[in-house]
Amino acid sequence: MFESKYVDGETIPPFDDAVSTIISSYKIEGGGNTMCIAIENLEGKIYRVIKSIGLGAYMYATSSLHDIGLKDILAKSIDGKNGYDGWFVVVSSNRGLD
């Protein structure tokens, strides 16, 4: 299960439809801890924050975001950063995601 919010004033990138599809396609009602995922736009600013409920939802989201060409810069971190457990960026070779 996911909760998603856009950051006010930040540009929504062309690949956001794919992100929305990822969130809406996960149908399993789960429980557990809440984990936060930040997603950057093409300008390198966090434009969307997704909260996943439970480890299964988090793993689904992170692997699916990776599949559309985004990279989790916190993938090897055990502590996260700034309250985020995952932080996805557009890698230079995928700047044209759309």
N, C-alpha and C. Protein backbone atom coordinates (compact mmCIF):
# COMPACT_ATOMS: atom_id res chain seq x y z
N MET A 1 0.85 -1.16 0.00
CA MET A 1 0.00 0.00 0.00
C MET A 1 0.90 1.24 0.00
N PHE A 2 0.47 2.28 -0.72
CA PHE A 2 1.27 3.48 -0.86
C PHE A 2 0.47 4.75 -0.58
N GLU A 3 1.17 5.74 -0.09
CA GLU A 3 0.66 7.11 -0.01
C GLU A 3 1.67 7.95 -0.79
N SER A 4 1.19 8.84 -1.63
CA SER A 4 2.09 9.62 -2.47
C SER A 4 1.72 11.09 -2.42
N LYS A 5 2.74 11.94 -2.34
CA LYS A 5 2.52 13.39 -2.34
C LYS A 5 3.55 14.06 -3.24
N TYR A 6 3.07 15.07 -3.96
CA TYR A 6 3.96 15.89 -4.76
C TYR A 6 4.49 17.04 -3.91
N VAL A 7 5.70 17.46 -4.20
CA VAL A 7 6.30 18.60 -3.50
C VAL A 7 5.84 19.86 -4.22
N ASP A 8 5.22 20.77 -3.48
CA ASP A 8 4.72 22.01 -4.06
C ASP A 8 5.82 22.78 -4.79
N GLY A 9 5.50 23.24 -5.98
CA GLY A 9 6.40 24.09 -6.73
C GLY A 9 7.46 23.38 -7.55
N GLU A 10 7.55 22.05 -7.44
CA GLU A 10 8.57 21.32 -8.19
C GLU A 10 7.98 20.78 -9.50
N THR A 11 8.78 20.77 -10.53
CA THR A 11 8.37 20.32 -11.85
C THR A 11 8.14 18.81 -11.87
N ILE A 12 7.00 18.43 -12.42
CA ILE A 12 6.68 17.01 -12.56
C ILE A 12 7.29 16.53 -13.89
N PRO A 13 8.17 15.53 -13.84
CA PRO A 13 8.87 15.09 -15.05
C PRO A 13 8.00 14.21 -15.95
N PRO A 14 8.42 14.03 -17.21
CA PRO A 14 7.64 13.22 -18.14
C PRO A 14 7.48 11.76 -17.72
N PHE A 15 8.40 11.24 -16.91
CA PHE A 15 8.31 9.83 -16.50
C PHE A 15 7.36 9.62 -15.32
N ASP A 16 6.72 10.67 -14.85
CA ASP A 16 5.84 10.54 -13.67
C ASP A 16 4.66 9.61 -13.92
N ASP A 17 4.18 9.53 -15.15
CA ASP A 17 3.09 8.59 -15.44
C ASP A 17 3.50 7.16 -15.12
N ALA A 18 4.75 6.83 -15.42
CA ALA A 18 5.25 5.48 -15.11
C ALA A 18 5.30 5.26 -13.60
N VAL A 19 5.68 6.29 -12.85
CA VAL A 19 5.70 6.20 -11.39
C VAL A 19 4.29 5.97 -10.86
N SER A 20 3.33 6.72 -11.38
CA SER A 20 1.94 6.56 -10.96
C SER A 20 1.41 5.16 -11.27
N THR A 21 1.81 4.61 -12.42
CA THR A 21 1.40 3.25 -12.79
C THR A 21 1.96 2.24 -11.81
N ILE A 22 3.20 2.42 -11.40
CA ILE A 22 3.82 1.51 -10.42
C ILE A 22 3.01 1.50 -9.13
N ILE A 23 2.68 2.68 -8.65
CA ILE A 23 1.94 2.80 -7.38
C ILE A 23 0.56 2.16 -7.49
N SER A 24 -0.13 2.45 -8.58
CA SER A 24 -1.52 1.97 -8.71
C SER A 24 -1.60 0.48 -9.01
N SER A 25 -0.53 -0.12 -9.52
CA SER A 25 -0.60 -1.54 -9.89
C SER A 25 -0.36 -2.48 -8.71
N TYR A 26 0.11 -1.97 -7.59
CA TYR A 26 0.35 -2.82 -6.42
C TYR A 26 -0.94 -2.94 -5.63
N LYS A 27 -1.49 -4.11 -5.57
CA LYS A 27 -2.83 -4.30 -4.97
C LYS A 27 -2.83 -5.04 -3.64
N ILE A 28 -1.67 -5.37 -3.11
CA ILE A 28 -1.62 -6.16 -1.89
C ILE A 28 -1.77 -5.24 -0.67
N GLU A 29 -2.72 -5.53 0.17
CA GLU A 29 -2.88 -4.81 1.43
C GLU A 29 -1.93 -5.43 2.44
N GLY A 30 -1.00 -4.66 2.90
CA GLY A 30 -0.04 -5.20 3.84
C GLY A 30 0.04 -4.36 5.09
N GLY A 31 0.91 -4.75 5.94
CA GLY A 31 1.14 -4.00 7.16
C GLY A 31 2.62 -3.93 7.42
N GLY A 32 2.95 -3.24 8.44
CA GLY A 32 4.36 -3.12 8.78
C GLY A 32 4.77 -1.67 8.87
N ASN A 33 6.07 -1.47 8.88
CA ASN A 33 6.61 -0.12 9.02
C ASN A 33 6.42 0.69 7.74
N THR A 34 6.37 1.99 7.93
CA THR A 34 6.31 2.90 6.80
C THR A 34 7.72 3.25 6.37
N MET A 35 7.97 3.17 5.07
CA MET A 35 9.27 3.52 4.51
C MET A 35 9.04 4.61 3.47
N CYS A 36 9.93 5.60 3.43
CA CYS A 36 9.76 6.76 2.55
C CYS A 36 10.73 6.72 1.38
N ILE A 37 10.20 7.03 0.21
CA ILE A 37 10.98 7.04 -1.02
C ILE A 37 10.87 8.43 -1.63
N ALA A 38 12.02 9.05 -1.89
CA ALA A 38 12.07 10.34 -2.58
C ALA A 38 12.38 10.08 -4.05
N ILE A 39 11.77 10.87 -4.93
CA ILE A 39 12.07 10.77 -6.36
C ILE A 39 12.40 12.16 -6.89
N GLU A 40 13.54 12.27 -7.54
CA GLU A 40 13.97 13.54 -8.11
C GLU A 40 13.45 13.69 -9.54
N ASN A 41 13.24 14.95 -9.92
CA ASN A 41 12.88 15.27 -11.30
C ASN A 41 14.15 15.48 -12.13
N LEU A 42 14.00 15.91 -13.36
CA LEU A 42 15.15 16.09 -14.24
C LEU A 42 16.07 17.22 -13.80
N GLU A 43 15.56 18.11 -12.96
CA GLU A 43 16.37 19.22 -12.44
C GLU A 43 17.15 18.83 -11.18
N GLY A 44 16.98 17.59 -10.74
CA GLY A 44 17.68 17.13 -9.54
C GLY A 44 17.03 17.55 -8.24
N LYS A 45 15.74 17.88 -8.27
CA LYS A 45 14.99 18.27 -7.07
C LYS A 45 13.96 17.19 -6.75
N ILE A 46 13.76 16.93 -5.48
CA ILE A 46 12.72 15.97 -5.09
C ILE A 46 11.37 16.57 -5.45
N TYR A 47 10.63 15.86 -6.28
CA TYR A 47 9.32 16.35 -6.70
C TYR A 47 8.18 15.49 -6.13
N ARG A 48 8.50 14.28 -5.69
CA ARG A 48 7.45 13.37 -5.21
C ARG A 48 8.02 12.51 -4.09
N VAL A 49 7.18 12.29 -3.07
CA VAL A 49 7.56 11.42 -1.96
C VAL A 49 6.49 10.34 -1.83
N ILE A 50 6.96 9.11 -1.81
CA ILE A 50 6.07 7.97 -1.69
C ILE A 50 6.33 7.28 -0.36
N LYS A 51 5.27 7.04 0.38
CA LYS A 51 5.37 6.27 1.62
C LYS A 51 4.80 4.89 1.34
N SER A 52 5.61 3.88 1.58
CA SER A 52 5.15 2.50 1.40
C SER A 52 4.89 1.91 2.78
N ILE A 53 3.82 1.15 2.86
CA ILE A 53 3.46 0.49 4.11
C ILE A 53 3.88 -0.98 3.98
N GLY A 54 4.90 -1.36 4.72
CA GLY A 54 5.38 -2.73 4.70
C GLY A 54 6.55 -2.93 3.76
N LEU A 55 7.35 -3.92 4.07
CA LEU A 55 8.56 -4.20 3.30
C LEU A 55 8.24 -4.69 1.88
N GLY A 56 7.18 -5.46 1.72
CA GLY A 56 6.81 -5.95 0.39
C GLY A 56 6.51 -4.82 -0.57
N ALA A 57 5.74 -3.84 -0.10
CA ALA A 57 5.42 -2.67 -0.94
C ALA A 57 6.68 -1.88 -1.27
N TYR A 58 7.55 -1.72 -0.29
CA TYR A 58 8.79 -0.98 -0.50
C TYR A 58 9.66 -1.69 -1.55
N MET A 59 9.81 -2.99 -1.43
CA MET A 59 10.63 -3.74 -2.37
C MET A 59 10.03 -3.69 -3.78
N TYR A 60 8.72 -3.77 -3.87
CA TYR A 60 8.05 -3.66 -5.17
C TYR A 60 8.33 -2.29 -5.79
N ALA A 61 8.15 -1.24 -5.02
CA ALA A 61 8.36 0.11 -5.54
C ALA A 61 9.80 0.33 -5.96
N THR A 62 10.74 -0.04 -5.11
CA THR A 62 12.14 0.22 -5.44
C THR A 62 12.59 -0.58 -6.67
N SER A 63 12.19 -1.83 -6.78
CA SER A 63 12.60 -2.60 -7.95
C SER A 63 11.92 -2.08 -9.22
N SER A 64 10.68 -1.65 -9.10
CA SER A 64 9.95 -1.12 -10.27
C SER A 64 10.53 0.23 -10.71
N LEU A 65 10.90 1.09 -9.76
CA LEU A 65 11.53 2.36 -10.11
C LEU A 65 12.87 2.13 -10.80
N HIS A 66 13.59 1.15 -10.32
CA HIS A 66 14.84 0.77 -10.98
C HIS A 66 14.58 0.30 -12.41
N ASP A 67 13.52 -0.47 -12.59
CA ASP A 67 13.18 -1.01 -13.91
C ASP A 67 12.85 0.09 -14.94
N ILE A 68 12.36 1.24 -14.49
CA ILE A 68 12.07 2.32 -15.44
C ILE A 68 13.28 3.23 -15.65
N GLY A 69 14.42 2.88 -15.07
CA GLY A 69 15.65 3.60 -15.35
C GLY A 69 16.12 4.57 -14.28
N LEU A 70 15.49 4.54 -13.11
CA LEU A 70 15.93 5.40 -12.02
C LEU A 70 16.92 4.65 -11.13
N LYS A 71 17.76 5.38 -10.43
CA LYS A 71 18.76 4.76 -9.57
C LYS A 71 18.55 5.21 -8.12
N ASP A 72 18.59 4.27 -7.21
CA ASP A 72 18.46 4.56 -5.78
C ASP A 72 19.84 4.86 -5.21
N ILE A 73 20.08 6.13 -4.89
CA ILE A 73 21.39 6.51 -4.37
C ILE A 73 21.58 6.08 -2.91
N LEU A 74 20.52 5.57 -2.30
CA LEU A 74 20.63 5.08 -0.92
C LEU A 74 20.58 3.55 -0.85
N ALA A 75 20.73 2.90 -1.98
CA ALA A 75 20.59 1.44 -2.03
C ALA A 75 21.53 0.72 -1.07
N LYS A 76 22.70 1.27 -0.82
CA LYS A 76 23.67 0.61 0.06
C LYS A 76 23.68 1.19 1.48
N SER A 77 22.77 2.10 1.75
CA SER A 77 22.71 2.75 3.06
C SER A 77 21.79 1.98 4.01
N ILE A 78 22.23 1.79 5.24
CA ILE A 78 21.35 1.16 6.22
C ILE A 78 20.56 2.20 7.00
N ASP A 79 21.03 3.43 7.01
CA ASP A 79 20.39 4.47 7.79
C ASP A 79 19.50 5.42 6.99
N GLY A 80 19.60 5.40 5.67
CA GLY A 80 18.85 6.34 4.86
C GLY A 80 19.46 7.73 4.96
N LYS A 81 18.69 8.72 4.53
CA LYS A 81 19.17 10.10 4.55
C LYS A 81 17.98 11.04 4.60
N ASN A 82 18.03 12.01 5.49
CA ASN A 82 16.99 13.03 5.61
C ASN A 82 15.58 12.45 5.76
N GLY A 83 15.49 11.29 6.39
CA GLY A 83 14.19 10.66 6.60
C GLY A 83 13.73 9.77 5.46
N TYR A 84 14.56 9.62 4.42
CA TYR A 84 14.21 8.79 3.28
C TYR A 84 14.97 7.47 3.34
N ASP A 85 14.27 6.40 3.01
CA ASP A 85 14.88 5.08 2.95
C ASP A 85 15.38 4.78 1.55
N GLY A 86 14.76 5.38 0.56
CA GLY A 86 15.17 5.27 -0.83
C GLY A 86 15.14 6.66 -1.45
N TRP A 87 16.09 6.93 -2.36
CA TRP A 87 16.17 8.26 -2.99
C TRP A 87 16.53 8.02 -4.45
N PHE A 88 15.55 8.16 -5.32
CA PHE A 88 15.74 7.83 -6.72
C PHE A 88 16.05 9.05 -7.57
N VAL A 89 17.07 8.88 -8.41
CA VAL A 89 17.53 9.95 -9.29
C VAL A 89 17.56 9.43 -10.73
N VAL A 90 17.56 10.37 -11.65
CA VAL A 90 17.71 10.04 -13.06
C VAL A 90 19.21 10.00 -13.33
N VAL A 91 19.69 8.87 -13.83
CA VAL A 91 21.10 8.79 -14.17
C VAL A 91 21.33 9.47 -15.51
N SER A 92 22.52 10.00 -15.72
CA SER A 92 22.80 10.83 -16.89
C SER A 92 22.46 10.13 -18.21
N SER A 93 22.63 8.84 -18.30
CA SER A 93 22.34 8.13 -19.53
C SER A 93 20.82 7.99 -19.77
N ASN A 94 20.00 8.26 -18.75
CA ASN A 94 18.54 8.14 -18.87
C ASN A 94 17.84 9.49 -18.74
N ARG A 95 18.52 10.59 -18.98
CA ARG A 95 17.93 11.91 -18.80
C ARG A 95 16.71 12.10 -19.70
N GLY A 96 16.61 11.36 -20.77
CA GLY A 96 15.48 11.52 -21.68
C GLY A 96 14.31 10.60 -21.38
N LEU A 97 14.20 10.10 -20.17
CA LEU A 97 13.07 9.23 -19.81
C LEU A 97 11.77 9.93 -20.19
N ASP A 98 11.02 9.32 -21.06
CA ASP A 98 9.68 9.83 -21.39
C ASP A 98 8.99 8.95 -22.38
